[in-house]
Amino acid sequence: MARQAAQPPQIPGLHAERLLGSGGFSDVFLYRQELPERQVAVKVLALDEVTDESRAAFVAEANLMAQLSAHPYIVTIYNAAVAADGRPYFVMEYCPGPSLSQQYRYRQFSVVDVLRTGIRVTSAVATAHSAGILHRDIKPANVLTNAYGWPALADFGISSVLDPDHAGGAADAGNQALGMSIPWSPPEMFAEHPTADVRSDVFSLAATVYTLLAGRSPFEVPGAPNGSIDLIGRIERGTIMALDRQDVPASLLTVLRRGMSTRRDDRFPSAIDFGRSLQRVELELGYSPTTLDVPNLAPARPRENSADEDATRMRPVTTIAPSGPQAPTDDDDATRVRSRMPVIEPTGDTDATRVRPRPITPDAPPAQETGRTVRRVSTPVPPAPPQQAEESAAAPVPRRRMLPWAIALAAVIVVGGGVTASLFLTGEDDPAPAETSTGEPLEVAGVPSPVEMGKKVTSDGTSITFEWSNPDPQEGDMYVWQRTDGEQPGPKNQTDEPSATVDGIDEGAKVCVSVVIRRADGKMSSEPLEMCSS
């Protein structure tokens, strides 16, 4: 039975207007503040829940939110105190708009709205992580809408503090009351001794973004039982329901599936990495990327060997721009001034813990991004003969002899830069190499791996069909698959259909297959998709 909401407490300078909502341990009321005059939301601990433990948890939530209040996508806290009747409360920003939970139930989000909202909420979560705070209850109902229509992350009531170095370490959740919302919770939270880290919040982030696209939680099956036990079983097995939308790009589904991987090591290592992947989807679709707002935690290092301490200094810019040209943006954030908030745009670097200053002038040819490794485009210069080298050391080179080399160098740099921009915008990690002299197809990083879509087993269990999708379909694409469950891999089979059927299965036998995409020019996926019957 739901708890009956209490009466709002008497608070000096505030006048209660109405109840906004109630939870298991607290009530939220709308108040009118006298000075400065405005509407505020006041969260009040329920009177029958006022214990030393609950009071400490309530105060901890207020302190955590206060650390993050300056962020544009986190609910701002103004004040905290204890009412005359002994109930702790804190005063926070009133968000009059509907929560994401209310919105996805009555309207369908467009893909661009989902990406923009997902990136903004991700920046709020990344800010909390940078302060050493795990949210642990990210879900659509905890993302409100403020007066400007922006999302605002709320309810840090079951948040926890990361280890002192908070570099992906686990929170000490074993000694805390477990609070979770099952449809958006990662599988590790259902263990006997649940522990959470930043990748647990990444799972909930991806599940929340998926919910906006699907209009339901990722593990909910329409028309089937969706109780707690049913949902937990699907979450632990990684059974994500297929999306019934044709406008969602395969690249976005790939990002969300990785974010909701059953194994933590298979997810994005940080919220920043997840947000950058969403930005890349925006670029792929031709949209200007939404900014990732995170705090500038790394102070600028003082200049060394400065000849004049009073000279005007050029400070590093903490904005990392995406590779490739950008179209002018009509984003509603275009006129917004952010206070001390660097803007992180998508890059190939997956190191989410550093904010690098943008150089004023380039010192080296442009880089080709290949995941974590950055390769510089080198400009080969033929060695000079010994006699010529000695003459060059003795006398300067005439300008007329240097001019052709300068033109050649500029051409190489321009071509290299064009390759870099092309690679970023097309999503290819490396230019496709030619075939080997033996005629064997090369495995190329730019050819994506197939994405698992599901498995279908016949009623008698003697046949199973594996299904997958091509995240970057091109004309002439074929699929090469083979069984891998035996002592030796089975024969390779080629098909133009995104499915493979294995017949003649013994009862209870485990069947595994691997699948790669083969382009018309013979190039293949660098990593195969592995699928098993159980």
Protein backbone atom coordinates (compact mmCIF):
# COMPACT_ATOMS: atom_id res chain seq x y z
CA MET A 1 0.00 0.00 0.00
CA ALA A 2 1.33 3.44 -0.94
CA ARG A 3 2.38 5.72 1.88
CA GLN A 4 0.08 8.65 2.63
CA ALA A 5 1.79 11.98 1.93
CA ALA A 6 2.34 14.17 5.00
CA GLN A 7 1.43 17.82 5.34
CA PRO A 8 4.05 20.28 4.12
CA PRO A 9 6.18 21.73 6.94
CA GLN A 10 6.24 25.39 7.92
CA ILE A 11 9.41 26.94 6.49
CA PRO A 12 10.32 30.60 7.07
CA GLY A 13 10.24 32.62 3.84
CA LEU A 14 8.42 29.87 1.93
CA HIS A 15 4.69 29.30 1.41
CA ALA A 16 3.45 25.80 0.51
CA GLU A 17 1.23 25.56 -2.58
CA ARG A 18 0.70 21.88 -3.45
CA LEU A 19 2.11 18.36 -3.43
CA LEU A 20 4.26 17.48 -6.45
CA GLY A 21 4.93 13.84 -5.68
CA SER A 22 5.68 11.21 -3.05
CA GLY A 23 8.18 8.39 -2.80
CA GLY A 24 8.91 5.66 -0.33
CA PHE A 25 10.83 7.92 2.05
CA SER A 26 10.06 11.53 1.14
CA ASP A 27 7.55 13.98 -0.29
CA VAL A 28 8.15 16.83 -2.73
CA PHE A 29 6.07 20.02 -2.43
CA LEU A 30 5.79 23.15 -4.53
CA TYR A 31 6.49 26.29 -2.51
CA ARG A 32 6.49 30.00 -3.30
CA GLN A 33 9.67 31.69 -2.11
CA GLU A 34 9.33 35.28 -0.88
CA LEU A 35 12.80 36.64 -1.66
CA PRO A 36 13.89 36.28 -4.33
CA GLU A 37 10.35 35.58 -5.49
CA ARG A 38 10.12 32.32 -7.38
CA GLN A 39 8.66 28.82 -7.28
CA VAL A 40 10.83 26.16 -5.70
CA ALA A 41 10.52 22.44 -5.05
CA VAL A 42 11.08 21.27 -1.48
CA LYS A 43 11.96 17.64 -0.77
CA VAL A 44 10.96 16.65 2.78
CA LEU A 45 11.89 13.44 4.59
CA ALA A 46 8.75 11.60 5.72
CA LEU A 47 8.10 12.04 9.44
CA ASP A 48 7.89 8.31 10.16
CA GLU A 49 11.22 7.77 8.39
CA VAL A 50 13.24 10.23 10.50
CA THR A 51 15.96 8.03 11.97
CA ASP A 52 19.64 8.66 12.43
CA GLU A 53 20.38 6.53 9.37
CA SER A 54 17.77 8.13 7.12
CA ARG A 55 18.71 11.62 8.31
CA ALA A 56 22.36 10.93 7.41
CA ALA A 57 21.35 9.61 3.97
CA PHE A 58 19.14 12.65 3.36
CA VAL A 59 21.94 15.05 4.30
CA ALA A 60 24.35 13.11 2.09
CA GLU A 61 22.01 13.51 -0.89
CA ALA A 62 21.79 17.26 -0.30
CA ASN A 63 25.57 17.53 -0.09
CA LEU A 64 26.08 15.48 -3.26
CA MET A 65 23.60 17.57 -5.23
CA ALA A 66 25.20 20.77 -3.93
CA GLN A 67 28.54 19.68 -5.43
CA LEU A 68 26.92 19.31 -8.85
CA SER A 69 24.37 22.14 -8.77
CA ALA A 70 26.21 24.39 -11.22
CA HIS A 71 25.74 21.93 -14.06
CA PRO A 72 23.11 22.94 -16.64
CA TYR A 73 21.56 19.47 -16.76
CA ILE A 74 21.48 18.67 -13.03
CA VAL A 75 18.74 19.94 -10.71
CA THR A 76 20.07 22.88 -8.68
CA ILE A 77 19.85 22.83 -4.86
CA TYR A 78 19.43 26.17 -3.08
CA ASN A 79 19.25 25.40 0.62
CA ALA A 80 18.90 22.62 3.21
CA ALA A 81 17.77 22.66 6.85
CA VAL A 82 15.52 20.98 9.43
CA ALA A 83 11.89 22.11 9.80
CA ALA A 84 10.36 22.97 13.17
CA ASP A 85 8.69 19.55 13.34
CA GLY A 86 12.06 17.80 13.02
CA ARG A 87 11.83 16.81 9.36
CA PRO A 88 14.96 17.49 7.25
CA TYR A 89 14.32 19.17 3.91
CA PHE A 90 16.17 20.79 1.06
CA VAL A 91 15.04 23.46 -1.37
CA MET A 92 15.81 22.90 -5.02
CA GLU A 93 15.06 24.11 -8.52
CA TYR A 94 11.47 23.62 -9.64
CA CYS A 95 11.29 21.78 -12.97
CA PRO A 96 7.76 22.34 -14.31
CA GLY A 97 8.09 20.19 -17.42
CA PRO A 98 7.24 16.49 -17.62
CA SER A 99 9.89 13.89 -16.85
CA LEU A 100 11.25 11.70 -19.63
CA SER A 101 9.12 8.88 -18.20
CA GLN A 102 5.97 10.93 -18.76
CA GLN A 103 7.08 12.04 -22.22
CA TYR A 104 7.96 8.70 -23.81
CA ARG A 105 4.56 7.30 -22.80
CA TYR A 106 2.54 9.82 -24.81
CA ARG A 107 4.81 10.79 -27.71
CA GLN A 108 7.47 9.24 -29.93
CA PHE A 109 10.87 10.86 -29.74
CA SER A 110 12.61 11.55 -33.03
CA VAL A 111 16.13 10.17 -33.44
CA VAL A 112 17.68 13.65 -33.30
CA ASP A 113 15.78 14.45 -30.08
CA VAL A 114 16.92 11.18 -28.53
CA LEU A 115 20.55 11.85 -29.43
CA ARG A 116 20.46 15.42 -28.14
CA THR A 117 18.74 14.46 -24.89
CA GLY A 118 20.98 11.42 -24.39
CA ILE A 119 24.17 13.45 -24.79
CA ARG A 120 22.97 16.15 -22.38
CA VAL A 121 22.04 13.61 -19.71
CA THR A 122 25.34 11.84 -20.33
CA SER A 123 27.23 15.07 -19.65
CA ALA A 124 25.41 15.33 -16.30
CA VAL A 125 26.37 11.77 -15.38
CA ALA A 126 29.98 12.31 -16.52
CA THR A 127 30.13 15.41 -14.31
CA ALA A 128 28.97 13.38 -11.32
CA HIS A 129 31.59 10.72 -12.09
CA SER A 130 34.31 13.36 -12.35
CA ALA A 131 33.38 14.42 -8.81
CA GLY A 132 33.63 10.79 -7.66
CA ILE A 133 29.86 10.24 -7.44
CA LEU A 134 27.83 7.35 -8.84
CA HIS A 135 24.14 8.02 -9.43
CA ARG A 136 23.03 4.33 -9.36
CA ASP A 137 19.40 5.06 -10.28
CA ILE A 138 19.44 6.58 -13.77
CA LYS A 139 16.06 6.10 -15.42
CA PRO A 140 13.56 8.21 -17.41
CA ALA A 141 11.57 9.16 -14.27
CA ASN A 142 14.68 10.74 -12.72
CA VAL A 143 15.29 13.05 -15.68
CA LEU A 144 13.03 16.09 -15.28
CA THR A 145 12.48 19.00 -17.66
CA ASN A 146 13.32 22.51 -16.44
CA ALA A 147 11.71 25.80 -17.41
CA TYR A 148 13.91 26.04 -20.53
CA GLY A 149 12.94 22.61 -21.79
CA TRP A 150 16.33 21.11 -20.97
CA PRO A 151 16.67 17.75 -19.19
CA ALA A 152 17.66 17.93 -15.52
CA LEU A 153 19.01 14.87 -13.72
CA ALA A 154 17.56 14.49 -10.23
CA ASP A 155 17.19 12.07 -7.30
CA PHE A 156 20.69 11.32 -6.04
CA GLY A 157 19.08 9.61 -3.05
CA ILE A 158 20.91 6.30 -3.47
CA SER A 159 24.10 7.72 -4.95
CA SER A 160 27.42 6.57 -3.60
CA VAL A 161 30.94 7.89 -3.56
CA LEU A 162 33.60 6.16 -5.62
CA ASP A 163 37.00 5.10 -4.36
CA PRO A 164 39.38 8.03 -3.76
CA ASP A 165 41.01 7.64 -7.17
CA HIS A 166 37.54 6.93 -8.72
CA ALA A 167 39.13 5.52 -11.84
CA GLY A 168 36.44 2.99 -12.55
CA GLY A 169 36.68 1.48 -9.07
CA ALA A 170 33.67 -0.15 -7.45
CA ALA A 171 31.54 1.67 -4.95
CA ASP A 172 31.09 0.14 -1.53
CA ALA A 173 27.51 -0.82 -2.17
CA GLY A 174 27.52 -3.88 0.06
CA ASN A 175 27.02 -1.82 3.19
CA GLN A 176 24.35 0.42 1.69
CA ALA A 177 20.67 -0.11 1.20
CA LEU A 178 20.17 -1.41 -2.32
CA GLY A 179 17.93 0.85 -4.34
CA MET A 180 17.31 0.27 -8.01
CA SER A 181 14.76 0.45 -10.77
CA ILE A 182 14.84 -3.01 -12.30
CA PRO A 183 14.03 -2.26 -15.98
CA TRP A 184 17.09 0.03 -16.26
CA SER A 185 19.46 -1.68 -13.83
CA PRO A 186 22.62 -3.58 -14.92
CA PRO A 187 22.91 -7.32 -14.22
CA GLU A 188 25.64 -6.88 -11.59
CA MET A 189 23.10 -5.19 -9.31
CA PHE A 190 21.18 -8.48 -9.01
CA ALA A 191 24.15 -10.39 -7.62
CA GLU A 192 24.22 -11.60 -4.04
CA HIS A 193 26.72 -8.87 -3.20
CA PRO A 194 25.98 -6.14 -5.76
CA THR A 195 28.71 -3.66 -6.62
CA ALA A 196 28.54 -0.72 -8.99
CA ASP A 197 31.05 1.40 -10.87
CA VAL A 198 30.90 4.00 -13.64
CA ARG A 199 30.08 1.28 -16.20
CA SER A 200 26.94 0.44 -14.20
CA ASP A 201 25.72 4.00 -14.75
CA VAL A 202 26.66 3.67 -18.44
CA PHE A 203 24.34 0.63 -18.67
CA SER A 204 21.45 2.63 -17.17
CA LEU A 205 22.23 5.55 -19.50
CA ALA A 206 22.06 3.32 -22.57
CA ALA A 207 18.86 1.68 -21.31
CA THR A 208 17.29 5.12 -20.78
CA VAL A 209 18.21 6.27 -24.30
CA TYR A 210 16.82 3.01 -25.72
CA THR A 211 13.56 3.58 -23.82
CA LEU A 212 13.08 6.96 -25.51
CA LEU A 213 13.42 5.28 -28.91
CA ALA A 214 11.26 2.24 -28.17
CA GLY A 215 8.58 3.74 -25.92
CA ARG A 216 9.27 0.92 -23.42
CA SER A 217 12.20 -0.40 -21.41
CA PRO A 218 14.77 -2.49 -23.34
CA PHE A 219 13.82 -5.81 -21.72
CA GLU A 220 10.04 -5.40 -21.72
CA VAL A 221 8.15 -7.72 -24.09
CA PRO A 222 4.72 -6.42 -25.18
CA GLY A 223 2.00 -8.93 -24.40
CA ALA A 224 4.28 -11.15 -22.30
CA PRO A 225 4.82 -11.32 -18.53
CA ASN A 226 7.00 -8.40 -17.46
CA GLY A 227 7.29 -8.89 -13.73
CA SER A 228 10.50 -8.41 -11.75
CA ILE A 229 11.63 -12.01 -12.20
CA ASP A 230 10.97 -11.91 -15.94
CA LEU A 231 12.87 -8.65 -16.39
CA ILE A 232 15.83 -9.73 -14.25
CA GLY A 233 16.18 -12.95 -16.25
CA ARG A 234 16.25 -11.05 -19.56
CA ILE A 235 18.71 -8.48 -18.22
CA GLU A 236 21.08 -11.17 -17.00
CA ARG A 237 20.87 -12.96 -20.36
CA GLY A 238 21.22 -9.73 -22.33
CA THR A 239 17.93 -10.28 -24.17
CA ILE A 240 17.29 -6.82 -25.59
CA MET A 241 14.03 -6.52 -27.50
CA ALA A 242 14.24 -5.51 -31.16
CA LEU A 243 13.20 -1.98 -32.10
CA ASP A 244 10.15 -1.66 -34.34
CA ARG A 245 11.39 1.52 -36.06
CA GLN A 246 12.87 1.98 -39.51
CA ASP A 247 14.39 5.42 -38.89
CA VAL A 248 16.92 4.32 -36.25
CA PRO A 249 20.40 3.86 -37.78
CA ALA A 250 22.22 0.61 -37.15
CA SER A 251 25.17 2.54 -35.72
CA LEU A 252 22.97 3.88 -32.90
CA LEU A 253 21.71 0.39 -32.10
CA THR A 254 25.30 -0.82 -31.98
CA VAL A 255 26.20 1.93 -29.49
CA LEU A 256 23.22 1.12 -27.26
CA ARG A 257 23.86 -2.63 -27.36
CA ARG A 258 27.46 -2.09 -26.31
CA GLY A 259 26.33 0.21 -23.51
CA MET A 260 23.97 -2.53 -22.26
CA SER A 261 26.45 -5.40 -22.55
CA THR A 262 26.03 -8.07 -19.90
CA ARG A 263 29.75 -8.01 -19.04
CA ARG A 264 31.00 -4.74 -17.66
CA ASP A 265 34.30 -5.05 -19.54
CA ASP A 266 32.37 -5.05 -22.84
CA ARG A 267 30.69 -1.69 -22.13
CA PHE A 268 32.05 1.78 -22.71
CA PRO A 269 34.66 2.45 -20.02
CA SER A 270 33.18 5.84 -19.16
CA ALA A 271 30.16 8.06 -19.70
CA ILE A 272 32.33 10.36 -21.82
CA ASP A 273 33.07 7.52 -24.25
CA PHE A 274 29.37 6.70 -24.47
CA GLY A 275 28.53 10.36 -25.15
CA ARG A 276 31.20 10.65 -27.84
CA SER A 277 29.77 7.62 -29.61
CA LEU A 278 26.35 9.31 -29.66
CA GLN A 279 28.00 12.42 -31.10
CA ARG A 280 29.50 10.34 -33.90
CA VAL A 281 26.03 9.09 -34.78
CA GLU A 282 24.90 12.73 -34.97
CA LEU A 283 27.74 13.48 -37.39
CA GLU A 284 26.88 10.38 -39.43
CA LEU A 285 23.30 11.63 -39.81
CA GLY A 286 24.47 15.13 -40.78
CA TYR A 287 23.56 16.88 -37.53
CA SER A 288 25.78 19.32 -35.70
CA PRO A 289 27.05 17.46 -32.60
CA THR A 290 25.49 18.33 -29.25
CA THR A 291 28.11 19.47 -26.76
CA LEU A 292 29.22 17.35 -23.83
CA ASP A 293 29.42 19.75 -20.89
CA VAL A 294 31.89 18.61 -18.27
CA PRO A 295 33.79 20.61 -15.63
CA ASN A 296 37.34 21.76 -16.18
CA LEU A 297 39.00 19.69 -13.47
CA ALA A 298 42.54 20.06 -14.81
CA PRO A 299 43.93 23.58 -14.03
CA ALA A 300 46.15 25.15 -16.64
CA ARG A 301 49.86 24.53 -16.00
CA PRO A 302 51.95 27.71 -15.61
CA ARG A 303 54.22 28.58 -18.48
CA GLU A 304 57.86 27.74 -17.90
CA ASN A 305 60.87 29.87 -18.80
CA SER A 306 58.72 32.91 -19.39
CA ALA A 307 60.86 35.89 -20.31
CA ASP A 308 58.28 38.43 -19.21
CA GLU A 309 55.90 37.49 -16.39
CA ASP A 310 53.77 40.57 -17.11
CA ALA A 311 53.32 39.75 -20.79
CA THR A 312 49.88 38.83 -22.07
CA ARG A 313 49.46 35.05 -21.91
CA MET A 314 47.51 32.86 -24.29
CA ARG A 315 45.47 30.43 -22.19
CA PRO A 316 44.66 26.94 -23.53
CA VAL A 317 41.19 26.47 -24.95
CA THR A 318 39.34 23.52 -23.42
CA THR A 319 37.21 22.83 -26.47
CA ILE A 320 37.92 19.70 -28.50
CA ALA A 321 36.33 19.98 -31.92
CA PRO A 322 35.28 17.01 -34.06
CA SER A 323 37.27 16.21 -37.17
CA GLY A 324 35.75 17.21 -40.46
CA PRO A 325 33.70 20.24 -41.50
CA GLN A 326 30.58 21.22 -39.59
CA ALA A 327 27.47 22.87 -40.89
CA PRO A 328 26.15 25.98 -39.10
CA THR A 329 24.01 24.99 -36.18
CA ASP A 330 20.57 26.19 -35.21
CA ASP A 331 20.79 24.36 -31.86
CA ASP A 332 18.78 26.09 -29.18
CA ASP A 333 21.98 26.20 -27.10
CA ALA A 334 23.72 28.45 -29.64
CA THR A 335 23.20 31.64 -27.63
CA ARG A 336 23.81 30.10 -24.26
CA VAL A 337 26.78 31.23 -22.18
CA ARG A 338 28.20 28.46 -20.00
CA SER A 339 30.22 29.36 -16.92
CA ARG A 340 33.62 27.65 -16.83
CA MET A 341 32.22 24.63 -18.64
CA PRO A 342 34.56 23.26 -21.36
CA VAL A 343 32.85 21.73 -24.34
CA ILE A 344 34.03 18.27 -25.37
CA GLU A 345 33.25 17.32 -28.93
CA PRO A 346 33.73 13.79 -30.36
CA THR A 347 37.32 12.66 -30.89
CA GLY A 348 38.99 9.36 -31.57
CA ASP A 349 40.54 9.41 -28.12
CA THR A 350 38.76 7.22 -25.57
CA ASP A 351 40.58 8.65 -22.58
CA ALA A 352 37.65 10.20 -20.76
CA THR A 353 39.62 11.45 -17.79
CA ARG A 354 41.60 14.18 -19.57
CA VAL A 355 40.68 17.47 -21.18
CA ARG A 356 43.29 18.45 -23.72
CA PRO A 357 43.80 22.06 -24.83
CA ARG A 358 43.44 22.73 -28.52
CA PRO A 359 46.75 23.88 -30.03
CA ILE A 360 46.89 27.42 -31.42
CA THR A 361 48.76 26.38 -34.58
CA PRO A 362 49.46 22.89 -35.87
CA ASP A 363 53.01 21.68 -35.37
CA ALA A 364 52.61 18.43 -37.28
CA PRO A 365 50.70 16.99 -40.22
CA PRO A 366 47.15 15.92 -39.45
CA ALA A 367 46.54 12.60 -37.70
CA GLN A 368 44.63 9.60 -38.94
CA GLU A 369 42.48 8.33 -36.09
CA THR A 370 42.48 4.57 -35.56
CA GLY A 371 40.72 4.06 -32.23
CA ARG A 372 43.24 4.51 -29.43
CA THR A 373 46.28 4.72 -31.76
CA VAL A 374 46.93 7.98 -33.59
CA ARG A 375 49.18 7.70 -36.60
CA ARG A 376 50.79 10.80 -38.06
CA VAL A 377 50.95 11.19 -41.83
CA SER A 378 54.66 11.23 -42.51
CA THR A 379 56.25 13.04 -45.44
CA PRO A 380 59.04 10.88 -46.89
CA VAL A 381 62.08 12.86 -48.05
CA PRO A 382 64.71 10.99 -50.12
CA PRO A 383 68.20 11.04 -48.58
CA ALA A 384 70.72 13.25 -50.29
CA PRO A 385 73.97 11.80 -51.74
CA PRO A 386 76.96 12.15 -49.38
CA GLN A 387 78.66 14.81 -51.46
CA GLN A 388 75.45 16.83 -51.76
CA ALA A 389 74.85 16.52 -48.03
CA GLU A 390 78.30 17.93 -47.31
CA GLU A 391 77.68 20.82 -49.68
CA SER A 392 74.31 21.47 -48.07
CA ALA A 393 75.89 21.68 -44.65
CA ALA A 394 78.41 24.19 -45.93
CA ALA A 395 76.09 26.53 -47.82
CA PRO A 396 72.39 27.50 -47.58
CA VAL A 397 69.96 26.04 -50.13
CA PRO A 398 68.76 28.60 -52.69
CA ARG A 399 65.09 29.45 -52.38
CA ARG A 400 64.35 28.34 -55.95
CA ARG A 401 65.53 24.82 -55.05
CA MET A 402 63.39 24.74 -51.86
CA LEU A 403 60.17 25.85 -53.56
CA PRO A 404 59.28 22.48 -55.22
CA TRP A 405 59.84 20.67 -51.93
CA ALA A 406 57.60 23.14 -50.08
CA ILE A 407 54.83 22.67 -52.64
CA ALA A 408 55.12 18.88 -52.40
CA LEU A 409 55.04 19.01 -48.60
CA ALA A 410 51.90 21.22 -48.61
CA ALA A 411 50.20 18.84 -51.05
CA VAL A 412 50.90 15.85 -48.83
CA ILE A 413 49.58 17.70 -45.76
CA VAL A 414 46.40 18.77 -47.59
CA VAL A 415 45.79 15.26 -48.88
CA GLY A 416 46.46 13.80 -45.44
CA GLY A 417 44.02 16.21 -43.83
CA GLY A 418 41.37 15.30 -46.38
CA VAL A 419 41.86 11.64 -45.59
CA THR A 420 41.51 12.30 -41.88
CA ALA A 421 38.27 14.25 -42.28
CA SER A 422 36.90 11.64 -44.65
CA LEU A 423 37.73 8.83 -42.24
CA PHE A 424 35.98 10.55 -39.33
CA LEU A 425 32.83 11.40 -41.25
CA THR A 426 32.53 7.96 -42.85
CA GLY A 427 33.34 6.10 -39.66
CA GLU A 428 36.21 4.16 -41.27
CA ASP A 429 39.25 3.68 -39.07
CA ASP A 430 41.77 3.24 -41.92
CA PRO A 431 41.92 3.56 -45.71
CA ALA A 432 41.06 0.21 -47.26
CA PRO A 433 44.29 -1.54 -48.37
CA ALA A 434 44.55 -3.43 -51.60
CA GLU A 435 44.36 -7.22 -51.76
CA THR A 436 47.48 -9.24 -51.07
CA SER A 437 49.55 -10.67 -53.87
CA THR A 438 48.13 -14.12 -53.12
CA GLY A 439 44.59 -12.90 -53.81
CA GLU A 440 43.38 -13.64 -50.26
CA PRO A 441 40.92 -11.05 -48.86
CA LEU A 442 42.31 -8.74 -46.22
CA GLU A 443 40.62 -8.15 -42.87
CA VAL A 444 40.10 -4.41 -42.70
CA ALA A 445 39.27 -2.39 -39.59
CA GLY A 446 36.96 -0.17 -41.63
CA VAL A 447 34.59 -3.06 -42.39
CA PRO A 448 32.26 -3.38 -39.38
CA SER A 449 31.29 -6.57 -37.65
CA PRO A 450 27.69 -7.79 -37.95
CA VAL A 451 25.32 -7.00 -35.06
CA GLU A 452 23.48 -9.84 -33.35
CA MET A 453 19.69 -9.60 -33.72
CA GLY A 454 18.49 -12.86 -32.17
CA LYS A 455 18.08 -16.63 -32.43
CA LYS A 456 15.12 -18.82 -33.33
CA VAL A 457 14.92 -22.48 -32.30
CA THR A 458 12.37 -24.88 -33.77
CA SER A 459 9.86 -26.50 -31.43
CA ASP A 460 11.63 -29.88 -31.61
CA GLY A 461 15.00 -28.27 -30.90
CA THR A 462 16.74 -29.83 -33.92
CA SER A 463 17.25 -26.60 -35.85
CA ILE A 464 18.35 -23.09 -34.93
CA THR A 465 18.49 -19.91 -37.00
CA PHE A 466 20.93 -17.14 -36.11
CA GLU A 467 20.04 -13.63 -37.26
CA TRP A 468 22.21 -10.51 -37.51
CA SER A 469 22.26 -7.08 -39.15
CA ASN A 470 24.78 -5.10 -41.19
CA PRO A 471 25.54 -1.74 -39.50
CA ASP A 472 26.93 -0.30 -42.78
CA PRO A 473 25.31 -2.10 -45.72
CA GLN A 474 26.90 -1.59 -49.13
CA GLU A 475 26.13 -2.97 -52.57
CA GLY A 476 27.59 -6.42 -53.05
CA ASP A 477 27.95 -7.23 -49.34
CA MET A 478 27.94 -10.94 -48.49
CA TYR A 479 28.18 -12.80 -45.17
CA VAL A 480 30.64 -15.61 -44.45
CA TRP A 481 29.72 -17.84 -41.51
CA GLN A 482 30.94 -21.09 -40.03
CA ARG A 483 30.29 -23.27 -37.00
CA THR A 484 32.81 -22.86 -34.18
CA ASP A 485 31.45 -25.17 -31.47
CA GLY A 486 33.45 -28.23 -32.52
CA GLU A 487 37.08 -29.10 -31.95
CA GLN A 488 37.81 -27.62 -35.36
CA PRO A 489 35.88 -24.79 -37.09
CA GLY A 490 33.39 -26.03 -39.66
CA PRO A 491 33.40 -25.16 -43.38
CA LYS A 492 32.82 -21.55 -44.40
CA ASN A 493 29.45 -20.73 -45.93
CA GLN A 494 28.61 -17.62 -47.93
CA THR A 495 25.14 -16.03 -48.09
CA ASP A 496 23.57 -12.72 -48.99
CA GLU A 497 20.91 -13.09 -46.29
CA PRO A 498 21.58 -11.82 -42.71
CA SER A 499 20.79 -15.23 -41.21
CA ALA A 500 22.11 -18.77 -41.02
CA THR A 501 20.29 -22.00 -40.13
CA VAL A 502 21.96 -25.01 -38.54
CA ASP A 503 20.01 -28.28 -38.81
CA GLY A 504 20.41 -31.71 -37.26
CA ILE A 505 21.17 -30.54 -33.73
CA ASP A 506 21.30 -33.14 -30.97
CA GLU A 507 19.11 -32.47 -27.96
CA GLY A 508 20.84 -30.14 -25.50
CA ALA A 509 23.83 -29.56 -27.79
CA LYS A 510 25.42 -26.11 -27.84
CA VAL A 511 25.77 -24.54 -31.27
CA CYS A 512 28.04 -21.57 -32.00
CA VAL A 513 28.71 -19.69 -35.23
CA SER A 514 30.96 -16.82 -36.26
CA VAL A 515 29.97 -14.32 -38.98
CA VAL A 516 31.90 -11.66 -40.90
CA ILE A 517 30.89 -9.19 -43.58
CA ARG A 518 32.64 -9.59 -46.94
CA ARG A 519 32.66 -6.56 -49.26
CA ALA A 520 32.41 -6.83 -53.04
CA ASP A 521 36.16 -6.03 -53.26
CA GLY A 522 37.04 -8.93 -50.96
CA LYS A 523 37.65 -6.96 -47.78
CA MET A 524 36.24 -8.47 -44.59
CA SER A 525 35.35 -7.52 -41.01
CA SER A 526 38.37 -7.38 -38.72
CA GLU A 527 36.45 -9.07 -35.90
CA PRO A 528 33.77 -11.75 -36.40
CA LEU A 529 30.43 -11.76 -34.62
CA GLU A 530 30.23 -14.78 -32.28
CA MET A 531 26.78 -16.22 -31.47
CA CYS A 532 25.83 -19.31 -29.46
CA SER A 533 22.56 -21.13 -28.84
CA SER A 534 22.91 -20.80 -25.05
